[in-house]
C-alpha cells in the first residue's frame, strides 16, 4: 500500500468500537469512520482527542469495560 499526503491511518483497540452506551449499543466502526471523515482537517493529536472525547460522551462517562487504545497518523 502506498500512502499519499492527506491519508489518515487510525489504529485502535476493540475497546473503542465496542464501547457501549446505556442502551447497550456499540459505538461501532461506522460511527468511528464518520467521525474521522467529519473531522479530517484537524491535526492527528486533535483527532485522537476528539475520538476519545466522543467515545466517552457516547458511554455517558461510564466506567471502562475494556482498554481504549488509539493511534492516529496523518500523512504529509
N, C-alpha and C. Protein backbone atom coordinates (compact mmCIF):
# COMPACT_ATOMS: atom_id res chain seq x y z
N UNK A 1 0.84 -1.16 0.00
CA UNK A 1 0.00 0.00 0.00
C UNK A 1 0.89 1.23 0.00
N UNK A 2 0.59 2.14 -0.86
CA UNK A 2 1.30 3.42 -0.90
C UNK A 2 0.42 4.50 -0.29
N UNK A 3 0.95 5.20 0.69
CA UNK A 3 0.19 6.27 1.33
C UNK A 3 0.49 7.58 0.64
N UNK A 4 -0.53 8.40 0.56
CA UNK A 4 -0.42 9.70 -0.11
C UNK A 4 -0.67 10.82 0.89
N UNK A 5 -0.16 12.01 0.62
CA UNK A 5 -0.45 13.14 1.50
C UNK A 5 -1.95 13.29 1.71
N UNK A 6 -2.31 13.50 2.96
CA UNK A 6 -3.73 13.64 3.30
C UNK A 6 -4.36 12.37 3.82
N UNK A 7 -3.70 11.21 3.58
CA UNK A 7 -4.24 9.96 4.11
C UNK A 7 -4.16 9.98 5.63
N UNK A 8 -5.13 9.33 6.25
CA UNK A 8 -5.16 9.21 7.71
C UNK A 8 -5.23 7.74 8.06
N UNK A 9 -4.35 7.32 8.95
CA UNK A 9 -4.38 5.95 9.47
C UNK A 9 -4.80 6.01 10.92
N UNK A 10 -5.76 5.18 11.27
CA UNK A 10 -6.22 5.12 12.66
C UNK A 10 -6.13 3.67 13.12
N UNK A 11 -5.33 3.45 14.13
CA UNK A 11 -5.21 2.14 14.75
C UNK A 11 -5.91 2.24 16.10
N UNK A 12 -6.80 1.29 16.38
CA UNK A 12 -7.50 1.35 17.66
C UNK A 12 -7.77 -0.05 18.19
N UNK A 13 -7.84 -0.13 19.49
CA UNK A 13 -8.21 -1.40 20.12
C UNK A 13 -9.72 -1.58 20.01
N UNK A 14 -10.16 -2.79 20.24
CA UNK A 14 -11.60 -3.06 20.16
C UNK A 14 -12.38 -2.30 21.23
N UNK A 15 -11.68 -1.81 22.25
CA UNK A 15 -12.35 -1.04 23.29
C UNK A 15 -12.94 0.26 22.81
N UNK A 16 -12.48 0.78 21.67
CA UNK A 16 -13.07 1.99 21.09
C UNK A 16 -14.40 1.64 20.44
N UNK A 17 -14.38 0.77 19.46
CA UNK A 17 -15.59 0.43 18.70
C UNK A 17 -16.62 -0.32 19.54
N UNK A 18 -16.16 -1.06 20.54
CA UNK A 18 -17.07 -1.88 21.34
C UNK A 18 -17.52 -1.19 22.63
N UNK A 19 -17.24 0.09 22.76
CA UNK A 19 -17.78 0.84 23.89
C UNK A 19 -19.30 0.89 23.74
N UNK A 20 -20.00 0.62 24.82
CA UNK A 20 -21.47 0.62 24.76
C UNK A 20 -22.05 1.81 25.50
N UNK A 21 -23.25 2.18 25.09
CA UNK A 21 -23.97 3.25 25.79
C UNK A 21 -24.99 2.63 26.74
N UNK A 22 -25.81 3.45 27.36
CA UNK A 22 -26.78 2.95 28.34
C UNK A 22 -27.84 2.05 27.72
N UNK A 23 -28.01 2.12 26.40
CA UNK A 23 -28.98 1.26 25.71
C UNK A 23 -28.35 -0.03 25.21
N UNK A 24 -27.05 -0.20 25.48
CA UNK A 24 -26.35 -1.41 25.07
C UNK A 24 -25.87 -1.39 23.63
N UNK A 25 -25.93 -0.22 22.97
CA UNK A 25 -25.47 -0.09 21.59
C UNK A 25 -23.97 0.16 21.56
N UNK A 26 -23.29 -0.40 20.56
CA UNK A 26 -21.86 -0.18 20.38
C UNK A 26 -21.61 1.17 19.72
N UNK A 27 -20.47 1.78 20.07
CA UNK A 27 -20.03 2.98 19.36
C UNK A 27 -19.84 2.61 17.89
N UNK A 28 -19.18 1.51 17.63
CA UNK A 28 -19.10 0.93 16.29
C UNK A 28 -18.08 1.57 15.36
N UNK A 29 -17.68 0.79 14.37
CA UNK A 29 -16.70 1.28 13.40
C UNK A 29 -17.31 2.26 12.42
N UNK A 30 -18.59 2.13 12.11
CA UNK A 30 -19.23 3.07 11.18
C UNK A 30 -19.27 4.47 11.79
N UNK A 31 -19.61 4.56 13.07
CA UNK A 31 -19.64 5.86 13.75
C UNK A 31 -18.23 6.43 13.85
N UNK A 32 -17.24 5.57 14.12
CA UNK A 32 -15.85 6.00 14.19
C UNK A 32 -15.39 6.53 12.84
N UNK A 33 -15.71 5.81 11.79
CA UNK A 33 -15.32 6.24 10.44
C UNK A 33 -15.92 7.60 10.10
N UNK A 34 -17.22 7.77 10.39
CA UNK A 34 -17.88 9.05 10.09
C UNK A 34 -17.25 10.19 10.87
N UNK A 35 -16.94 9.95 12.13
CA UNK A 35 -16.30 10.97 12.95
C UNK A 35 -14.96 11.38 12.35
N UNK A 36 -14.17 10.40 11.92
CA UNK A 36 -12.87 10.69 11.30
C UNK A 36 -13.05 11.47 10.01
N UNK A 37 -14.01 11.06 9.19
CA UNK A 37 -14.28 11.77 7.93
C UNK A 37 -14.74 13.21 8.19
N UNK A 38 -15.59 13.39 9.19
CA UNK A 38 -16.11 14.73 9.50
C UNK A 38 -15.03 15.65 10.07
N UNK A 39 -14.06 15.11 10.77
CA UNK A 39 -13.04 15.92 11.45
C UNK A 39 -11.66 15.78 10.83
N UNK A 40 -11.56 15.33 9.60
CA UNK A 40 -10.28 15.02 8.96
C UNK A 40 -9.32 16.22 8.84
N UNK A 41 -9.85 17.43 8.95
CA UNK A 41 -9.00 18.60 8.75
C UNK A 41 -8.15 18.97 9.97
N UNK A 42 -8.45 18.43 11.13
CA UNK A 42 -7.69 18.77 12.33
C UNK A 42 -6.39 17.96 12.38
N UNK A 43 -5.51 18.31 13.30
CA UNK A 43 -4.25 17.58 13.43
C UNK A 43 -4.51 16.17 13.96
N UNK A 44 -3.52 15.31 13.85
CA UNK A 44 -3.65 13.94 14.34
C UNK A 44 -3.92 13.93 15.85
N UNK A 45 -3.22 14.77 16.60
CA UNK A 45 -3.43 14.84 18.05
C UNK A 45 -4.84 15.32 18.39
N UNK A 46 -5.30 16.33 17.66
CA UNK A 46 -6.66 16.83 17.89
C UNK A 46 -7.69 15.77 17.54
N UNK A 47 -7.46 15.04 16.45
CA UNK A 47 -8.39 14.00 16.04
C UNK A 47 -8.46 12.90 17.10
N UNK A 48 -7.33 12.51 17.64
CA UNK A 48 -7.31 11.50 18.69
C UNK A 48 -8.10 11.99 19.91
N UNK A 49 -7.90 13.25 20.29
CA UNK A 49 -8.64 13.81 21.43
C UNK A 49 -10.14 13.82 21.16
N UNK A 50 -10.53 14.19 19.94
CA UNK A 50 -11.95 14.23 19.57
C UNK A 50 -12.56 12.84 19.65
N UNK A 51 -11.86 11.85 19.10
CA UNK A 51 -12.38 10.48 19.12
C UNK A 51 -12.57 10.00 20.56
N UNK A 52 -11.56 10.17 21.39
CA UNK A 52 -11.66 9.72 22.77
C UNK A 52 -12.76 10.46 23.53
N UNK A 53 -12.90 11.75 23.27
CA UNK A 53 -13.95 12.54 23.91
C UNK A 53 -15.34 12.06 23.47
N UNK A 54 -15.51 11.80 22.16
CA UNK A 54 -16.80 11.34 21.64
C UNK A 54 -17.16 9.95 22.17
N UNK A 55 -16.17 9.08 22.26
CA UNK A 55 -16.42 7.74 22.80
C UNK A 55 -16.84 7.85 24.27
N UNK A 56 -16.17 8.70 25.03
CA UNK A 56 -16.52 8.89 26.43
C UNK A 56 -17.92 9.48 26.56
N UNK A 57 -18.25 10.46 25.73
CA UNK A 57 -19.59 11.07 25.73
C UNK A 57 -20.65 10.02 25.39
N UNK A 58 -20.36 9.19 24.38
CA UNK A 58 -21.28 8.13 23.96
C UNK A 58 -21.56 7.18 25.11
N UNK A 59 -20.54 6.85 25.87
CA UNK A 59 -20.67 5.92 27.00
C UNK A 59 -21.25 6.61 28.24
N UNK A 60 -21.51 7.90 28.12
CA UNK A 60 -22.05 8.69 29.23
C UNK A 60 -21.14 8.59 30.45
N UNK A 61 -19.84 8.62 30.19
CA UNK A 61 -18.81 8.58 31.23
C UNK A 61 -18.89 7.35 32.13
N UNK A 62 -19.44 6.26 31.61
CA UNK A 62 -19.50 5.00 32.37
C UNK A 62 -18.08 4.48 32.58
N UNK A 63 -17.86 3.69 33.61
CA UNK A 63 -16.53 3.13 33.83
C UNK A 63 -16.09 2.27 32.64
N UNK A 64 -14.79 2.26 32.38
CA UNK A 64 -14.27 1.48 31.26
C UNK A 64 -14.51 -0.01 31.48
N UNK A 65 -14.98 -0.67 30.42
CA UNK A 65 -15.16 -2.12 30.46
C UNK A 65 -14.01 -2.81 29.73
N UNK A 66 -13.24 -2.03 28.96
CA UNK A 66 -12.13 -2.55 28.16
C UNK A 66 -11.16 -1.39 27.96
N UNK A 67 -9.94 -1.72 27.55
CA UNK A 67 -8.97 -0.66 27.28
C UNK A 67 -9.40 0.13 26.05
N UNK A 68 -8.94 1.35 25.97
CA UNK A 68 -9.17 2.20 24.79
C UNK A 68 -7.81 2.69 24.32
N UNK A 69 -7.31 2.03 23.31
CA UNK A 69 -6.02 2.40 22.74
C UNK A 69 -6.25 3.00 21.37
N UNK A 70 -5.59 4.11 21.08
CA UNK A 70 -5.82 4.82 19.82
C UNK A 70 -4.53 5.46 19.34
N UNK A 71 -4.23 5.25 18.05
CA UNK A 71 -3.10 5.89 17.40
C UNK A 71 -3.62 6.49 16.11
N UNK A 72 -3.35 7.80 15.91
CA UNK A 72 -3.79 8.48 14.68
C UNK A 72 -2.55 9.01 13.98
N UNK A 73 -2.42 8.67 12.70
CA UNK A 73 -1.30 9.15 11.87
C UNK A 73 -1.87 9.86 10.66
N UNK A 74 -1.29 11.01 10.33
CA UNK A 74 -1.69 11.73 9.12
C UNK A 74 -0.46 11.85 8.23
N UNK A 75 -0.61 11.51 6.98
CA UNK A 75 0.49 11.56 6.02
C UNK A 75 0.59 12.98 5.48
N UNK A 76 1.82 13.52 5.50
CA UNK A 76 2.05 14.88 4.97
C UNK A 76 2.50 14.81 3.54
